[in-house]
Each structure stands twice: as C-alpha cells, then as structure tokens.
C-alpha cells in the first residue's frame, strides 16, 4: 500500500481572527447589493461588533431617511460602510446623484 503525503495548506489572505479590545463597531448600510456581504465588508470586526442594514430597492434618499434607524444605539467610534446609489443610476443624472451623496454624507457626519 502506498502512503499518502500530508500537505499543509494556509491562506495568507485570510482575515486574522484576533479582535482588538478597543475595536470600533462596524455597520454595513446599503441596498440589496449588500445582502449576505457582511463578512466580506466587515470581516475584521468580531461578529458581535458588526451589523447589517439592508434596504432592498433603496436609493440614496432612502438611505438618508433611514439614518435614525441605522444610527440608533451606536457608539461614538462606530464605522459606517455605506454602499448605495445602484438603484439611482437609471433614474437620476450624475449631478443629481452627487447632490444626493452630499446630503447623505452630511447626514451621517452629524
């Protein structure tokens, strides 16, 4: 009988499992494109320190309006990862989309 060689595998791109004590909370906010993407976007944050807010069919204005829901009970150092505007591309011009982005950013900065 032949013996099989044992080969060890490793992934140098794997996200480290060590979490920092002072790591900030991460909240992923967006339209349906972010569904099932929480780990991809926020993988360095521990499971208890990340949240997903997926608003299917939402445009930039919808994300801006959802500000109160998204920011409730968040800490001062919470990091927001926002993926939006995919639903605005066909219905709005580029200048209008930029204005909507500006309004949304102002809302989340406050």
N, C-alpha and C. Protein backbone atom coordinates (compact mmCIF):
# COMPACT_ATOMS: atom_id res chain seq x y z
N UNK A 1 0.81 -1.18 0.00
CA UNK A 1 0.00 0.00 0.00
C UNK A 1 0.85 1.25 0.00
N UNK A 2 0.40 2.20 -0.78
CA UNK A 2 1.10 3.48 -0.84
C UNK A 2 0.63 4.38 0.29
N UNK A 3 1.56 5.11 0.87
CA UNK A 3 1.15 6.09 1.88
C UNK A 3 1.01 7.45 1.19
N UNK A 4 0.00 8.18 1.60
CA UNK A 4 -0.25 9.49 1.02
C UNK A 4 0.53 10.56 1.75
N UNK A 5 1.06 11.47 0.99
CA UNK A 5 1.79 12.58 1.59
C UNK A 5 0.81 13.57 2.22
N UNK A 6 1.17 14.10 3.35
CA UNK A 6 0.34 15.09 4.03
C UNK A 6 0.80 16.47 3.60
N UNK A 7 -0.14 17.24 3.10
CA UNK A 7 0.19 18.59 2.63
C UNK A 7 -0.56 19.59 3.50
N UNK A 8 0.17 20.53 4.06
CA UNK A 8 -0.44 21.57 4.90
C UNK A 8 -0.81 22.77 4.02
N UNK A 9 -2.01 23.27 4.21
CA UNK A 9 -2.47 24.42 3.45
C UNK A 9 -2.62 25.62 4.37
N UNK A 10 -2.39 26.78 3.83
CA UNK A 10 -2.66 28.02 4.56
C UNK A 10 -3.09 29.09 3.57
N UNK A 11 -3.79 30.05 4.06
CA UNK A 11 -4.27 31.15 3.22
C UNK A 11 -3.68 32.44 3.77
N UNK A 12 -2.72 32.99 3.08
CA UNK A 12 -2.07 34.20 3.59
C UNK A 12 -2.99 35.41 3.53
N UNK A 13 -4.10 35.31 2.81
CA UNK A 13 -5.05 36.41 2.71
C UNK A 13 -6.19 36.28 3.71
N UNK A 14 -6.15 35.25 4.52
CA UNK A 14 -7.22 35.02 5.49
C UNK A 14 -7.24 36.15 6.52
N UNK A 15 -8.43 36.55 6.88
CA UNK A 15 -8.60 37.63 7.85
C UNK A 15 -8.22 37.11 9.23
N UNK A 16 -7.37 37.86 9.94
CA UNK A 16 -6.96 37.41 11.28
C UNK A 16 -8.16 37.28 12.21
N UNK A 17 -8.16 36.28 13.04
CA UNK A 17 -9.26 36.03 13.97
C UNK A 17 -9.12 36.83 15.26
N UNK A 18 -7.97 37.45 15.47
CA UNK A 18 -7.75 38.21 16.69
C UNK A 18 -8.51 39.53 16.60
N UNK A 19 -9.28 39.83 17.62
CA UNK A 19 -10.00 41.10 17.65
C UNK A 19 -9.42 41.97 18.74
N UNK A 20 -9.41 43.23 18.51
CA UNK A 20 -8.86 44.18 19.46
C UNK A 20 -9.90 44.55 20.50
N UNK A 21 -9.46 44.85 21.68
CA UNK A 21 -10.36 45.23 22.76
C UNK A 21 -11.07 46.54 22.42
N UNK A 22 -10.36 47.46 21.81
CA UNK A 22 -10.92 48.78 21.54
C UNK A 22 -11.41 48.93 20.09
N UNK A 23 -11.68 47.83 19.41
CA UNK A 23 -12.13 47.93 18.03
C UNK A 23 -13.49 48.62 17.97
N UNK A 24 -13.71 49.33 16.90
CA UNK A 24 -14.98 50.04 16.76
C UNK A 24 -16.04 49.11 16.16
N UNK A 25 -17.27 49.46 16.41
CA UNK A 25 -18.38 48.73 15.81
C UNK A 25 -18.46 49.11 14.34
N UNK A 26 -18.84 48.16 13.49
CA UNK A 26 -18.98 48.42 12.05
C UNK A 26 -20.41 48.13 11.64
N UNK A 27 -21.01 49.07 10.92
CA UNK A 27 -22.37 48.89 10.42
C UNK A 27 -22.35 49.04 8.90
N UNK A 28 -22.77 47.99 8.22
CA UNK A 28 -22.85 47.98 6.76
C UNK A 28 -24.26 48.38 6.37
N UNK A 29 -24.36 49.44 5.57
CA UNK A 29 -25.65 50.00 5.19
C UNK A 29 -25.73 50.04 3.68
N UNK A 30 -26.86 49.62 3.11
CA UNK A 30 -26.99 49.71 1.66
C UNK A 30 -28.25 49.07 1.13
N UNK A 31 -28.29 48.96 -0.18
CA UNK A 31 -29.43 48.34 -0.86
C UNK A 31 -29.22 46.83 -0.89
N UNK A 32 -29.97 46.15 -1.72
CA UNK A 32 -29.91 44.68 -1.75
C UNK A 32 -28.54 44.14 -2.17
N UNK A 33 -27.69 44.97 -2.72
CA UNK A 33 -26.35 44.52 -3.13
C UNK A 33 -25.50 44.10 -1.92
N UNK A 34 -25.83 44.59 -0.72
CA UNK A 34 -25.03 44.24 0.45
C UNK A 34 -25.57 43.01 1.19
N UNK A 35 -26.69 42.49 0.75
CA UNK A 35 -27.25 41.29 1.40
C UNK A 35 -26.21 40.17 1.36
N UNK A 36 -26.03 39.50 2.45
CA UNK A 36 -25.06 38.40 2.59
C UNK A 36 -23.61 38.83 2.39
N UNK A 37 -23.32 40.12 2.52
CA UNK A 37 -21.96 40.61 2.32
C UNK A 37 -21.33 41.14 3.61
N UNK A 38 -21.98 40.95 4.73
CA UNK A 38 -21.48 41.50 5.99
C UNK A 38 -20.07 41.03 6.29
N UNK A 39 -19.82 39.76 6.13
CA UNK A 39 -18.49 39.22 6.43
C UNK A 39 -17.44 39.75 5.45
N UNK A 40 -17.82 39.92 4.19
CA UNK A 40 -16.87 40.42 3.19
C UNK A 40 -16.45 41.86 3.48
N UNK A 41 -17.40 42.70 3.85
CA UNK A 41 -17.12 44.11 4.11
C UNK A 41 -16.56 44.34 5.51
N UNK A 42 -17.01 43.58 6.47
CA UNK A 42 -16.68 43.84 7.88
C UNK A 42 -16.01 42.66 8.55
N UNK A 43 -15.27 41.89 7.82
CA UNK A 43 -14.69 40.65 8.33
C UNK A 43 -13.69 40.82 9.45
N UNK A 44 -13.06 41.94 9.56
CA UNK A 44 -12.06 42.14 10.61
C UNK A 44 -12.69 42.47 11.96
N UNK A 45 -13.94 42.75 11.95
CA UNK A 45 -14.66 43.07 13.18
C UNK A 45 -15.33 41.79 13.70
N UNK A 46 -15.33 41.61 15.01
CA UNK A 46 -15.94 40.39 15.56
C UNK A 46 -17.44 40.38 15.28
N UNK A 47 -18.02 39.20 15.29
CA UNK A 47 -19.44 39.05 14.96
C UNK A 47 -20.34 39.94 15.79
N UNK A 48 -20.01 40.13 17.05
CA UNK A 48 -20.86 40.94 17.92
C UNK A 48 -20.67 42.43 17.69
N UNK A 49 -19.68 42.81 16.90
CA UNK A 49 -19.37 44.22 16.68
C UNK A 49 -19.71 44.67 15.26
N UNK A 50 -20.52 43.91 14.55
CA UNK A 50 -20.90 44.30 13.19
C UNK A 50 -22.38 44.05 12.97
N UNK A 51 -22.98 44.95 12.18
CA UNK A 51 -24.40 44.85 11.89
C UNK A 51 -24.65 45.16 10.43
N UNK A 52 -25.70 44.56 9.90
CA UNK A 52 -26.10 44.79 8.51
C UNK A 52 -27.45 45.49 8.48
N UNK A 53 -27.53 46.54 7.67
CA UNK A 53 -28.79 47.24 7.42
C UNK A 53 -29.01 47.22 5.91
N UNK A 54 -29.83 46.28 5.45
CA UNK A 54 -30.08 46.09 4.02
C UNK A 54 -31.48 46.59 3.69
N UNK A 55 -31.55 47.58 2.81
CA UNK A 55 -32.83 48.15 2.38
C UNK A 55 -33.01 47.84 0.90
N UNK A 56 -33.71 46.77 0.60
CA UNK A 56 -33.88 46.34 -0.79
C UNK A 56 -34.56 47.42 -1.61
N UNK A 57 -34.00 47.71 -2.77
CA UNK A 57 -34.56 48.70 -3.68
C UNK A 57 -34.32 50.13 -3.26
N UNK A 58 -33.54 50.34 -2.22
CA UNK A 58 -33.33 51.70 -1.70
C UNK A 58 -32.39 52.51 -2.57
N UNK A 59 -32.70 53.78 -2.67
CA UNK A 59 -31.83 54.74 -3.32
C UNK A 59 -31.11 55.56 -2.26
N UNK A 60 -30.35 56.54 -2.69
CA UNK A 60 -29.61 57.38 -1.75
C UNK A 60 -30.53 58.11 -0.79
N UNK A 61 -31.65 58.62 -1.30
CA UNK A 61 -32.59 59.33 -0.43
C UNK A 61 -33.16 58.40 0.64
N UNK A 62 -33.41 57.15 0.28
CA UNK A 62 -33.94 56.18 1.25
C UNK A 62 -32.92 55.87 2.34
N UNK A 63 -31.66 55.78 1.96
CA UNK A 63 -30.59 55.53 2.94
C UNK A 63 -30.46 56.73 3.87
N UNK A 64 -30.58 57.93 3.32
CA UNK A 64 -30.51 59.15 4.13
C UNK A 64 -31.66 59.20 5.13
N UNK A 65 -32.86 58.85 4.68
CA UNK A 65 -34.03 58.85 5.55
C UNK A 65 -33.90 57.79 6.66
N UNK A 66 -33.22 56.70 6.38
CA UNK A 66 -33.07 55.62 7.35
C UNK A 66 -32.00 55.91 8.40
N UNK A 67 -31.45 57.09 8.37
CA UNK A 67 -30.36 57.48 9.28
C UNK A 67 -30.68 57.17 10.75
N UNK A 68 -31.86 57.54 11.21
CA UNK A 68 -32.22 57.32 12.61
C UNK A 68 -32.23 55.84 12.98
N UNK A 69 -32.73 55.00 12.08
CA UNK A 69 -32.75 53.55 12.34
C UNK A 69 -31.34 52.98 12.37
N UNK A 70 -30.52 53.43 11.43
CA UNK A 70 -29.17 52.90 11.28
C UNK A 70 -28.26 53.33 12.43
N UNK A 71 -28.46 54.52 12.94
CA UNK A 71 -27.56 55.05 13.96
C UNK A 71 -28.07 54.87 15.39
N UNK A 72 -29.22 54.25 15.57
CA UNK A 72 -29.73 54.08 16.93
C UNK A 72 -28.81 53.18 17.74
N UNK A 73 -28.56 53.59 18.96
CA UNK A 73 -27.71 52.84 19.90
C UNK A 73 -26.29 52.61 19.40
N UNK A 74 -25.76 53.51 18.59
CA UNK A 74 -24.38 53.34 18.13
C UNK A 74 -23.43 54.13 19.03
N UNK A 75 -22.19 53.73 19.01
CA UNK A 75 -21.15 54.37 19.80
C UNK A 75 -20.55 55.53 19.01
N UNK A 76 -19.76 56.35 19.68
CA UNK A 76 -19.13 57.49 19.00
C UNK A 76 -18.13 57.05 17.94
N UNK A 77 -17.50 55.91 18.14
CA UNK A 77 -16.48 55.45 17.19
C UNK A 77 -17.01 54.42 16.19
N UNK A 78 -18.33 54.35 16.01
CA UNK A 78 -18.92 53.41 15.06
C UNK A 78 -18.51 53.78 13.64
N UNK A 79 -18.10 52.79 12.88
CA UNK A 79 -17.72 52.98 11.48
C UNK A 79 -18.89 52.55 10.60
N UNK A 80 -19.31 53.43 9.71
CA UNK A 80 -20.40 53.12 8.78
C UNK A 80 -19.81 52.86 7.41
N UNK A 81 -20.10 51.69 6.85
CA UNK A 81 -19.72 51.36 5.48
C UNK A 81 -21.01 51.42 4.68
N UNK A 82 -21.07 52.38 3.75
CA UNK A 82 -22.31 52.62 3.01
C UNK A 82 -22.10 52.27 1.54
N UNK A 83 -22.94 51.39 1.04
CA UNK A 83 -22.92 51.00 -0.37
C UNK A 83 -24.29 51.37 -0.93
N UNK A 84 -24.33 52.42 -1.71
CA UNK A 84 -25.63 52.92 -2.18
C UNK A 84 -25.50 53.51 -3.58
N UNK A 85 -26.63 53.83 -4.15
CA UNK A 85 -26.78 54.51 -5.44
C UNK A 85 -26.92 53.57 -6.63
N UNK A 86 -26.86 52.26 -6.42
CA UNK A 86 -27.03 51.36 -7.57
C UNK A 86 -28.44 51.48 -8.14
N UNK A 87 -29.41 51.81 -7.30
CA UNK A 87 -30.78 51.96 -7.77
C UNK A 87 -31.08 53.36 -8.28
N UNK A 88 -30.13 54.28 -8.15
CA UNK A 88 -30.31 55.65 -8.63
C UNK A 88 -29.74 55.87 -10.03
N UNK A 89 -28.91 54.97 -10.48
CA UNK A 89 -28.17 55.18 -11.73
C UNK A 89 -29.09 55.37 -12.93
N UNK A 90 -30.14 54.56 -13.01
CA UNK A 90 -31.02 54.64 -14.19
C UNK A 90 -32.04 55.76 -14.10
N UNK A 91 -32.35 56.22 -12.90
CA UNK A 91 -33.41 57.20 -12.75
C UNK A 91 -32.92 58.62 -12.50
N UNK A 92 -31.63 58.80 -12.26
CA UNK A 92 -31.10 60.13 -11.93
C UNK A 92 -29.87 60.43 -12.75
N UNK A 93 -29.66 61.72 -12.97
CA UNK A 93 -28.45 62.16 -13.66
C UNK A 93 -27.27 62.21 -12.69
N UNK A 94 -26.08 62.34 -13.23
CA UNK A 94 -24.88 62.31 -12.39
C UNK A 94 -24.84 63.46 -11.39
N UNK A 95 -25.25 64.66 -11.80
CA UNK A 95 -25.25 65.79 -10.87
C UNK A 95 -26.24 65.57 -9.74
N UNK A 96 -27.39 65.02 -10.06
CA UNK A 96 -28.40 64.74 -9.04
C UNK A 96 -27.90 63.67 -8.05
N UNK A 97 -27.23 62.66 -8.57
CA UNK A 97 -26.68 61.61 -7.70
C UNK A 97 -25.62 62.19 -6.78
N UNK A 98 -24.76 63.06 -7.31
CA UNK A 98 -23.74 63.69 -6.47
C UNK A 98 -24.37 64.53 -5.37
N UNK A 99 -25.43 65.27 -5.69
CA UNK A 99 -26.14 66.05 -4.67
C UNK A 99 -26.73 65.14 -3.60
N UNK A 100 -27.29 64.01 -4.01
CA UNK A 100 -27.86 63.06 -3.05
C UNK A 100 -26.76 62.48 -2.15
N UNK A 101 -25.60 62.17 -2.76
CA UNK A 101 -24.47 61.70 -1.96
C UNK A 101 -24.06 62.74 -0.93
N UNK A 102 -23.97 63.98 -1.34
CA UNK A 102 -23.58 65.05 -0.42
C UNK A 102 -24.54 65.15 0.76
N UNK A 103 -25.85 65.10 0.47
CA UNK A 103 -26.85 65.16 1.54
C UNK A 103 -26.70 63.98 2.50
N UNK A 104 -26.49 62.80 1.93
CA UNK A 104 -26.35 61.61 2.77
C UNK A 104 -25.10 61.70 3.64
N UNK A 105 -23.99 62.13 3.07
CA UNK A 105 -22.74 62.25 3.82
C UNK A 105 -22.89 63.27 4.94
N UNK A 106 -23.52 64.41 4.64
CA UNK A 106 -23.75 65.42 5.69
C UNK A 106 -24.58 64.83 6.83
N UNK A 107 -25.59 64.06 6.48
CA UNK A 107 -26.45 63.45 7.49
C UNK A 107 -25.67 62.49 8.39
N UNK A 108 -24.83 61.65 7.80
CA UNK A 108 -24.09 60.67 8.58
C UNK A 108 -22.91 61.29 9.33
N UNK A 109 -22.43 62.43 8.89
CA UNK A 109 -21.34 63.11 9.60
C UNK A 109 -21.81 63.78 10.87
N UNK A 110 -23.07 64.19 10.89
CA UNK A 110 -23.58 64.97 12.03
C UNK A 110 -23.71 64.15 13.29
